[in-house]
Protein backbone atom coordinates (compact mmCIF):
# COMPACT_ATOMS: atom_id res chain seq x y z
CA MET A 1 -179.80 -119.17 -168.91
CA ASN A 2 -182.56 -117.79 -171.13
CA GLY A 3 -186.18 -118.82 -171.66
CA GLY A 4 -185.31 -120.81 -174.78
CA GLN A 5 -182.83 -122.91 -172.81
CA LEU A 6 -185.39 -123.61 -170.11
CA ILE A 7 -188.00 -124.66 -172.65
CA ALA A 8 -185.56 -126.88 -174.57
CA GLU A 9 -184.44 -128.56 -171.35
CA VAL A 10 -188.02 -129.36 -170.31
CA LEU A 11 -188.91 -130.64 -173.80
CA ILE A 12 -185.87 -132.94 -173.90
CA ASN A 13 -186.75 -134.27 -170.43
CA HIS A 14 -190.21 -135.20 -171.78
CA GLY A 15 -188.90 -137.01 -174.85
CA VAL A 16 -189.80 -134.36 -177.42
CA ARG A 17 -187.93 -134.83 -180.71
CA HIS A 18 -189.76 -132.38 -183.00
CA LEU A 19 -191.08 -128.85 -182.78
CA TYR A 20 -193.48 -127.48 -185.42
CA THR A 21 -193.54 -123.79 -186.24
CA LEU A 22 -194.16 -120.94 -188.60
CA SER A 23 -191.06 -118.91 -187.88
CA GLY A 24 -191.33 -115.63 -186.02
CA GLY A 25 -188.81 -113.38 -184.34
CA HIS A 26 -190.59 -113.28 -180.99
CA VAL A 27 -189.83 -116.95 -180.38
CA ALA A 28 -186.35 -117.20 -181.93
CA PRO A 29 -184.63 -118.17 -178.64
CA ILE A 30 -186.79 -121.31 -178.54
CA TYR A 31 -185.62 -122.33 -182.03
CA VAL A 32 -181.96 -121.73 -181.28
CA GLU A 33 -181.94 -123.69 -178.05
CA ALA A 34 -184.16 -126.50 -179.38
CA GLU A 35 -181.75 -127.11 -182.26
CA LYS A 36 -178.75 -126.99 -179.91
CA SER A 37 -180.48 -129.64 -177.79
CA GLY A 38 -181.13 -131.96 -180.72
CA ILE A 39 -184.82 -131.15 -181.23
CA GLU A 40 -185.67 -130.92 -184.92
CA VAL A 41 -187.40 -127.63 -185.79
CA ILE A 42 -189.87 -128.18 -188.63
CA ASP A 43 -191.07 -125.02 -190.36
CA VAL A 44 -194.54 -125.13 -191.91
CA ARG A 45 -196.49 -122.59 -193.98
CA HIS A 46 -199.39 -121.77 -191.62
CA GLU A 47 -199.72 -121.59 -187.86
CA ALA A 48 -202.67 -123.99 -187.81
CA THR A 49 -200.56 -126.53 -189.70
CA ALA A 50 -197.97 -126.38 -186.91
CA VAL A 51 -200.63 -127.32 -184.36
CA PHE A 52 -202.20 -129.99 -186.59
CA ALA A 53 -198.74 -131.56 -187.04
CA ALA A 54 -198.04 -131.41 -183.29
CA ASP A 55 -201.44 -132.99 -182.67
CA ALA A 56 -200.75 -135.82 -185.14
CA GLU A 57 -197.37 -136.55 -183.59
CA ALA A 58 -198.85 -136.54 -180.10
CA ARG A 59 -201.61 -138.96 -181.07
CA LEU A 60 -199.18 -141.34 -182.77
CA SER A 61 -196.39 -141.26 -180.21
CA GLY A 62 -197.99 -140.34 -176.89
CA ILE A 63 -195.24 -137.75 -176.45
CA PRO A 64 -196.44 -134.13 -176.18
CA GLY A 65 -196.69 -132.43 -179.56
CA ILE A 66 -195.11 -128.99 -179.61
CA ALA A 67 -196.11 -125.99 -181.72
CA VAL A 68 -194.40 -122.61 -181.55
CA VAL A 69 -195.84 -119.50 -183.21
CA THR A 70 -195.21 -115.78 -183.12
CA ALA A 71 -197.29 -113.10 -181.42
CA GLY A 72 -200.73 -111.74 -182.27
CA PRO A 73 -202.23 -113.27 -185.42
CA GLY A 74 -199.69 -116.07 -185.20
CA VAL A 75 -201.45 -117.29 -182.06
CA THR A 76 -205.02 -116.56 -183.10
CA ASN A 77 -204.50 -118.46 -186.39
CA THR A 78 -204.09 -121.64 -184.32
CA ILE A 79 -207.52 -121.61 -182.66
CA THR A 80 -209.24 -124.19 -184.91
CA ALA A 81 -206.33 -126.64 -184.67
CA LEU A 82 -206.04 -126.14 -180.91
CA LYS A 83 -209.73 -126.82 -180.40
CA ASN A 84 -209.39 -129.96 -182.52
CA ALA A 85 -206.50 -131.18 -180.34
CA GLN A 86 -208.38 -130.29 -177.18
CA MET A 87 -211.50 -132.21 -178.25
CA ALA A 88 -209.30 -135.27 -178.93
CA GLN A 89 -207.52 -134.79 -175.58
CA SER A 90 -204.17 -134.76 -177.36
CA PRO A 91 -201.11 -133.82 -175.33
CA VAL A 92 -200.34 -130.67 -177.36
CA ILE A 93 -198.48 -127.63 -176.11
CA LEU A 94 -198.57 -124.29 -177.91
CA PHE A 95 -195.90 -121.70 -177.21
CA GLY A 96 -197.05 -118.30 -178.46
CA GLY A 97 -194.85 -115.25 -178.74
CA ALA A 98 -195.54 -111.93 -177.07
CA THR A 99 -194.56 -108.35 -177.76
CA ALA A 100 -194.63 -105.07 -175.94
CA THR A 101 -198.14 -103.64 -175.72
CA ARG A 102 -197.06 -100.32 -177.17
CA CYS A 103 -194.69 -99.61 -180.03
CA ALA A 104 -192.99 -96.22 -180.20
CA ILE A 105 -193.20 -94.95 -183.77
CA GLY A 106 -192.14 -91.41 -184.65
CA GLY A 107 -192.50 -90.27 -181.07
CA HIS A 108 -196.11 -91.47 -180.88
CA TYR A 109 -197.41 -94.58 -179.25
CA ARG A 110 -199.76 -96.83 -181.12
CA ILE A 111 -201.09 -100.29 -180.47
CA SER A 112 -199.61 -102.96 -182.72
CA ILE A 113 -201.70 -105.82 -184.13
CA ARG A 114 -199.12 -108.15 -182.64
CA SER A 115 -199.94 -106.79 -179.18
CA VAL A 116 -203.57 -107.89 -179.23
CA SER A 117 -204.18 -110.13 -176.23
CA SER A 118 -204.08 -113.65 -177.61
CA SER A 119 -204.72 -115.15 -174.20
CA ARG A 120 -208.21 -113.64 -174.16
CA SER A 121 -209.00 -115.38 -177.44
CA LEU A 122 -207.90 -118.72 -176.03
CA LYS A 123 -209.21 -118.32 -172.47
CA PRO A 124 -212.47 -120.28 -172.98
CA GLY A 125 -210.50 -123.26 -174.30
CA SER A 126 -207.78 -123.33 -171.67
CA ARG A 127 -209.54 -124.37 -168.48
CA GLN A 128 -207.34 -126.32 -166.14
CA GLY A 129 -208.17 -130.00 -165.97
CA ALA A 130 -210.45 -129.86 -169.01
CA SER A 131 -207.97 -131.50 -171.34
CA LYS A 132 -204.34 -132.36 -171.95
CA THR A 133 -203.94 -129.46 -174.40
CA LEU A 134 -201.93 -126.58 -172.95
CA PHE A 135 -201.66 -123.03 -174.24
CA LEU A 136 -198.59 -121.04 -173.14
CA LEU A 137 -198.70 -117.38 -174.15
């Protein structure tokens, strides 16, 4: 069993029917297993749009809205939409990709933009008990 299977199983158990995303390789196992489980994967053109769509679905249905984005800027591009969902106390869950903190290139190590700590950017907005919005990075 992989992480994508675990996530898909939990989402199905909570009645989730749609997952909003701007596709990224770091989170591909989630897409594969969601589709196998009957969850419709809806690709949008910006990460914030994925969260806004998840927020709208959550508000209309009462079922958690799910957004999945790739690492680094993919996560940080969602901050405005996440804060909007949090202020409305929407049941929104964001799954953000992660990558290795160092990339070996030509024998040298360098920090990749995708390895910037997204959790630090979201930390002030992710206090436990403060809202129904959940950030998973």
